[in-house]
């Protein structure tokens, strides 16, 4: 359930957009570029999304623990936290929670840090920490149970080997893809459809190419994220607060400190 290596392509696309903001081309990016390049904004960014970076801090600790263990001990520890069929049968609540706080190695941690900074942190700023946590949990728990049910059916019809009962299944990707899908609802209209199509295409091609149960779990997590429209849009009245280090003099109106990718919601009509 770790983020697949192919997700690097998604990081590169988003990084390319970041580079676009840093160019001098296109006057439409002028009001976004200055705050984006502010060193003070970069330093304050983690403080603007405390849940996201607290989660990353926990992942850093658990990954460091694994790095101090032998390969055999690390593998046994990950198997104990895994949401495989064996553990889900014996202690489902514990492994559904603990599996989200372990990833196999430092490379996955670096990739998670990049993806969380580009997706989870902006989402937390837009809809709040608790809604983001809830959306992540819906994807993580829902996709895990969907995958487990699929494996149970496959085992009954001998479509998979008995070894899947003890397979290692930990990581953050189910929750991440649910948040990424939900994020499409708060993007500007022009980017909303483009990002949704890109996400569906990428995960569909990955699942068809590899055919692993984890990749089908990613599709389930994405579907749960799209289905969580009420959770995301329930925060539509929230205008993202500017990151603390951005000077007030740069603001031009309500929500001016928020990135232009996340439009401020329209004011509610007066009843007078």
Protein backbone atom coordinates (compact mmCIF):
# COMPACT_ATOMS: atom_id res chain seq x y z
CA UNK A 1 0.00 0.00 0.00
CA UNK A 2 2.99 2.30 -0.36
CA UNK A 3 2.87 4.99 -3.00
CA UNK A 4 4.01 3.35 -6.26
CA UNK A 5 7.21 4.49 -7.90
CA UNK A 6 5.16 5.58 -10.93
CA UNK A 7 3.65 8.34 -8.80
CA UNK A 8 6.93 10.18 -9.36
CA UNK A 9 5.41 11.17 -12.70
CA UNK A 10 2.64 12.96 -10.84
CA UNK A 11 5.22 14.76 -8.70
CA UNK A 12 7.08 15.88 -11.83
CA UNK A 13 3.89 17.27 -13.38
CA UNK A 14 3.10 19.26 -10.26
CA UNK A 15 6.73 20.36 -9.97
CA UNK A 16 6.50 21.55 -13.58
CA UNK A 17 3.58 23.75 -12.60
CA UNK A 18 5.69 25.11 -9.76
CA UNK A 19 8.37 26.01 -12.29
CA UNK A 20 5.74 27.73 -14.41
CA UNK A 21 4.90 29.97 -11.47
CA UNK A 22 8.57 30.95 -11.18
CA UNK A 23 8.85 32.12 -14.80
CA UNK A 24 8.22 35.63 -15.96
CA UNK A 25 5.81 34.47 -18.66
CA UNK A 26 2.15 35.13 -18.21
CA UNK A 27 0.94 38.16 -16.30
CA UNK A 28 -1.90 36.07 -14.86
CA UNK A 29 0.57 34.42 -12.47
CA UNK A 30 1.97 37.70 -11.15
CA UNK A 31 -0.19 37.79 -8.01
CA UNK A 32 0.72 34.17 -7.19
CA UNK A 33 4.42 34.24 -7.99
CA UNK A 34 5.65 36.70 -5.35
CA UNK A 35 4.14 34.93 -2.32
CA UNK A 36 5.16 31.56 -3.75
CA UNK A 37 8.79 32.59 -3.95
CA UNK A 38 8.86 34.20 -0.52
CA UNK A 39 11.39 32.50 1.74
CA UNK A 40 9.27 33.45 4.72
CA UNK A 41 6.29 31.71 3.17
CA UNK A 42 8.32 28.55 2.63
CA UNK A 43 9.45 28.56 6.27
CA UNK A 44 5.87 29.08 7.49
CA UNK A 45 4.29 26.52 5.18
CA UNK A 46 4.54 23.54 7.58
CA UNK A 47 2.88 25.63 10.31
CA UNK A 48 -0.06 26.29 7.99
CA UNK A 49 -0.83 22.55 7.75
CA UNK A 50 -0.02 21.10 11.18
CA UNK A 51 -1.86 17.79 10.74
CA UNK A 52 -0.04 16.99 7.49
CA UNK A 53 3.41 17.69 8.86
CA UNK A 54 2.72 16.06 12.22
CA UNK A 55 1.83 12.93 10.26
CA UNK A 56 5.03 13.20 8.25
CA UNK A 57 6.99 13.59 11.50
CA UNK A 58 5.50 10.32 12.81
CA UNK A 59 6.38 8.61 9.51
CA UNK A 60 9.93 9.90 9.88
CA UNK A 61 10.17 8.36 13.36
CA UNK A 62 8.76 4.98 12.31
CA UNK A 63 10.95 4.86 9.21
CA UNK A 64 14.00 5.66 11.35
CA UNK A 65 13.07 2.78 13.66
CA UNK A 66 12.94 0.41 10.70
CA UNK A 67 16.33 1.64 9.50
CA UNK A 68 17.86 0.65 12.85
CA UNK A 69 16.58 -2.91 12.63
CA UNK A 70 17.90 -5.87 10.71
CA UNK A 71 16.07 -6.82 7.52
CA UNK A 72 14.40 -9.77 9.18
CA UNK A 73 13.27 -7.80 12.23
CA UNK A 74 12.00 -4.94 10.06
CA UNK A 75 10.03 -7.33 7.89
CA UNK A 76 8.46 -8.99 10.95
CA UNK A 77 7.51 -5.59 12.37
CA UNK A 78 5.87 -4.49 9.12
CA UNK A 79 4.00 -7.78 8.84
CA UNK A 80 2.65 -7.26 12.36
CA UNK A 81 1.25 -3.85 11.33
CA UNK A 82 -0.02 -5.04 7.95
CA UNK A 83 -3.68 -5.09 6.94
CA UNK A 84 -3.40 -8.55 5.43
CA UNK A 85 -6.29 -10.98 5.78
CA UNK A 86 -4.71 -12.75 8.71
CA UNK A 87 -4.27 -9.58 10.79
CA UNK A 88 -7.67 -8.19 9.78
CA UNK A 89 -9.27 -11.36 11.10
CA UNK A 90 -7.38 -11.28 14.43
CA UNK A 91 -7.12 -7.56 15.27
CA UNK A 92 -8.81 -5.40 12.61
CA UNK A 93 -9.03 -2.06 14.47
CA UNK A 94 -5.39 -2.04 15.49
CA UNK A 95 -3.96 -2.83 12.07
CA UNK A 96 -6.35 -0.48 10.25
CA UNK A 97 -4.86 2.34 12.32
CA UNK A 98 -1.25 1.25 12.68
CA UNK A 99 -0.76 0.31 9.01
CA UNK A 100 -1.09 3.98 8.04
CA UNK A 101 1.96 4.94 10.12
CA UNK A 102 4.54 2.63 8.57
CA UNK A 103 6.25 2.74 5.19
CA UNK A 104 9.00 0.37 4.06
CA UNK A 105 11.98 2.65 3.49
CA UNK A 106 13.40 6.14 3.19
CA UNK A 107 12.66 6.46 -0.52
CA UNK A 108 8.96 6.07 0.16
CA UNK A 109 9.26 8.63 2.95
CA UNK A 110 10.81 11.19 0.60
CA UNK A 111 8.13 10.54 -2.02
CA UNK A 112 5.41 10.83 0.62
CA UNK A 113 6.87 14.13 1.83
CA UNK A 114 6.76 15.54 -1.71
CA UNK A 115 3.23 14.33 -2.40
CA UNK A 116 1.89 15.47 0.97
CA UNK A 117 3.40 18.93 0.47
CA UNK A 118 1.82 19.23 -2.96
CA UNK A 119 -1.58 17.74 -2.13
CA UNK A 120 -2.39 17.14 1.56
CA UNK A 121 -1.00 20.42 2.91
CA UNK A 122 -2.92 22.66 0.45
CA UNK A 123 -6.03 20.54 1.05
CA UNK A 124 -5.71 20.96 4.81
CA UNK A 125 -5.40 24.71 4.41
CA UNK A 126 -8.51 24.75 2.24
CA UNK A 127 -10.92 22.51 4.15
CA UNK A 128 -9.33 22.25 7.59
CA UNK A 129 -7.38 19.59 9.45
CA UNK A 130 -10.30 17.48 10.68
CA UNK A 131 -11.99 17.20 7.29
CA UNK A 132 -8.67 16.30 5.66
CA UNK A 133 -8.02 13.65 8.31
CA UNK A 134 -11.54 12.32 7.81
CA UNK A 135 -11.11 12.13 4.04
CA UNK A 136 -7.77 10.38 4.43
CA UNK A 137 -9.28 7.88 6.89
CA UNK A 138 -12.20 7.16 4.55
CA UNK A 139 -9.78 6.31 1.76
CA UNK A 140 -7.40 4.30 3.93
CA UNK A 141 -10.00 2.23 5.78
CA UNK A 142 -12.52 1.95 2.94
CA UNK A 143 -10.01 0.89 0.28
CA UNK A 144 -8.36 -1.57 2.69
CA UNK A 145 -11.68 -3.28 3.44
CA UNK A 146 -12.62 -3.27 -0.24
CA UNK A 147 -9.32 -4.91 -1.13
CA UNK A 148 -9.68 -7.47 1.66
CA UNK A 149 -13.18 -8.38 0.49
CA UNK A 150 -11.91 -8.81 -3.05
CA UNK A 151 -9.11 -11.07 -1.88
CA UNK A 152 -11.56 -13.18 0.14
CA UNK A 153 -13.67 -13.72 -2.97
CA UNK A 154 -10.59 -14.44 -5.09
CA UNK A 155 -9.41 -17.01 -2.55
CA UNK A 156 -12.77 -18.76 -2.58
CA UNK A 157 -12.56 -19.18 -6.36
CA UNK A 158 -8.82 -20.05 -6.30
CA UNK A 159 -8.01 -16.95 -8.34
CA UNK A 160 -5.08 -16.11 -6.05
CA UNK A 161 -2.65 -18.18 -4.05
CA UNK A 162 -3.03 -18.76 -0.30
CA UNK A 163 0.06 -16.64 0.33
CA UNK A 164 -2.01 -13.44 0.04
CA UNK A 165 -3.36 -14.12 3.53
CA UNK A 166 0.02 -13.09 4.99
CA UNK A 167 1.09 -10.46 2.45
CA UNK A 168 2.63 -7.20 3.68
CA UNK A 169 0.28 -4.25 3.21
CA UNK A 170 1.19 -0.99 4.94
CA UNK A 171 1.53 2.61 3.81
CA UNK A 172 -0.19 5.89 3.06
CA UNK A 173 -1.27 5.62 -0.56
CA UNK A 174 -4.93 4.70 -0.06
CA UNK A 175 -5.53 7.76 2.08
CA UNK A 176 -3.44 9.93 -0.21
CA UNK A 177 -5.37 9.06 -3.37
CA UNK A 178 -8.68 9.68 -1.59
CA UNK A 179 -7.50 13.17 -0.64
CA UNK A 180 -6.13 13.74 -4.17
CA UNK A 181 -9.55 12.86 -5.62
CA UNK A 182 -11.36 15.08 -3.13
CA UNK A 183 -8.96 17.90 -3.94
CA UNK A 184 -10.41 18.18 -7.44
CA UNK A 185 -13.59 19.68 -5.95
CA UNK A 186 -11.76 22.71 -4.56
CA UNK A 187 -9.59 23.48 -7.58
CA UNK A 188 -10.48 26.17 -10.04
CA UNK A 189 -12.96 25.13 -12.70
CA UNK A 190 -10.33 24.95 -15.46
CA UNK A 191 -8.07 22.59 -13.50
CA UNK A 192 -10.80 20.47 -11.90
CA UNK A 193 -11.64 18.33 -14.92
CA UNK A 194 -8.02 18.13 -16.09
CA UNK A 195 -6.76 16.84 -12.72
CA UNK A 196 -9.67 14.40 -12.34
CA UNK A 197 -9.04 12.92 -15.78
CA UNK A 198 -5.29 12.70 -15.13
CA UNK A 199 -5.86 10.92 -11.81
CA UNK A 200 -8.37 8.43 -13.24
CA UNK A 201 -6.16 7.73 -16.26
CA UNK A 202 -3.00 7.23 -14.24
CA UNK A 203 -4.54 4.87 -11.67
CA UNK A 204 -6.49 2.92 -14.31
CA UNK A 205 -3.43 2.35 -16.49
CA UNK A 206 -1.37 1.36 -13.45
CA UNK A 207 -4.00 -1.17 -12.31
CA UNK A 208 -4.41 -2.68 -15.78
CA UNK A 209 -0.66 -2.90 -16.29
CA UNK A 210 0.30 -4.46 -12.96
CA UNK A 211 -2.95 -6.07 -11.88
CA UNK A 212 -1.92 -6.14 -8.19
CA UNK A 213 -4.52 -5.93 -5.45
CA UNK A 214 -2.88 -2.75 -4.14
CA UNK A 215 -3.40 -0.92 -7.44
CA UNK A 216 -7.08 -1.85 -7.46
CA UNK A 217 -7.17 -0.56 -3.90
CA UNK A 218 -5.89 2.77 -5.22
CA UNK A 219 -8.83 2.89 -7.63
CA UNK A 220 -11.21 2.18 -4.75
CA UNK A 221 -9.59 4.93 -2.65
CA UNK A 222 -9.95 7.38 -5.54
CA UNK A 223 -13.63 6.46 -5.94
CA UNK A 224 -14.18 7.02 -2.22
CA UNK A 225 -12.51 10.41 -2.52
CA UNK A 226 -14.80 11.42 -5.36
CA UNK A 227 -17.79 10.09 -3.37
CA UNK A 228 -16.80 12.29 -0.40
CA UNK A 229 -18.05 15.42 -2.15
CA UNK A 230 -20.25 16.49 0.83
CA UNK A 231 -17.30 16.27 3.22
CA UNK A 232 -15.15 18.47 0.99
CA UNK A 233 -17.74 20.99 -0.08
CA UNK A 234 -19.13 21.23 3.45
CA UNK A 235 -16.17 23.48 4.10
CA UNK A 236 -17.01 25.74 1.15
CA UNK A 237 -17.68 28.68 3.44
CA UNK A 238 -14.11 28.54 4.71
CA UNK A 239 -11.78 31.04 3.04
CA UNK A 240 -8.17 29.82 3.29
CA UNK A 241 -6.21 32.04 5.65
CA UNK A 242 -3.00 33.51 4.28
CA UNK A 243 0.16 31.81 5.44
CA UNK A 244 1.33 33.86 8.45
CA UNK A 245 4.62 35.04 6.97
CA UNK A 246 3.06 36.63 3.88
CA UNK A 247 2.93 40.37 4.41
CA UNK A 248 -0.50 41.92 4.63
CA UNK A 249 0.54 44.59 2.19
CA UNK A 250 0.49 42.00 -0.59
CA UNK A 251 -3.15 41.13 -0.02
CA UNK A 252 -5.76 42.63 -2.30
CA UNK A 253 -8.90 41.26 -0.76
CA UNK A 254 -10.47 38.43 1.22
CA UNK A 255 -8.53 35.21 0.85
CA UNK A 256 -5.78 36.93 -1.11
CA UNK A 257 -3.16 34.94 0.76
CA UNK A 258 -4.51 31.67 -0.61
CA UNK A 259 -3.11 30.24 -3.79
CA UNK A 260 -5.11 31.02 -6.92
CA UNK A 261 -5.57 27.31 -7.53
CA UNK A 262 -8.08 27.28 -4.67
CA UNK A 263 -10.77 29.87 -5.41
CA UNK A 264 -12.40 31.65 -2.52
CA UNK A 265 -16.06 30.61 -2.23
CA UNK A 266 -18.69 33.01 -3.43
CA UNK A 267 -20.48 34.91 -0.63
CA UNK A 268 -23.92 33.66 0.31
CA UNK A 269 -26.81 35.78 -1.02
CA UNK A 270 -28.35 38.18 1.46
CA UNK A 271 -31.86 37.47 2.73
CA UNK A 272 -32.65 41.16 3.29
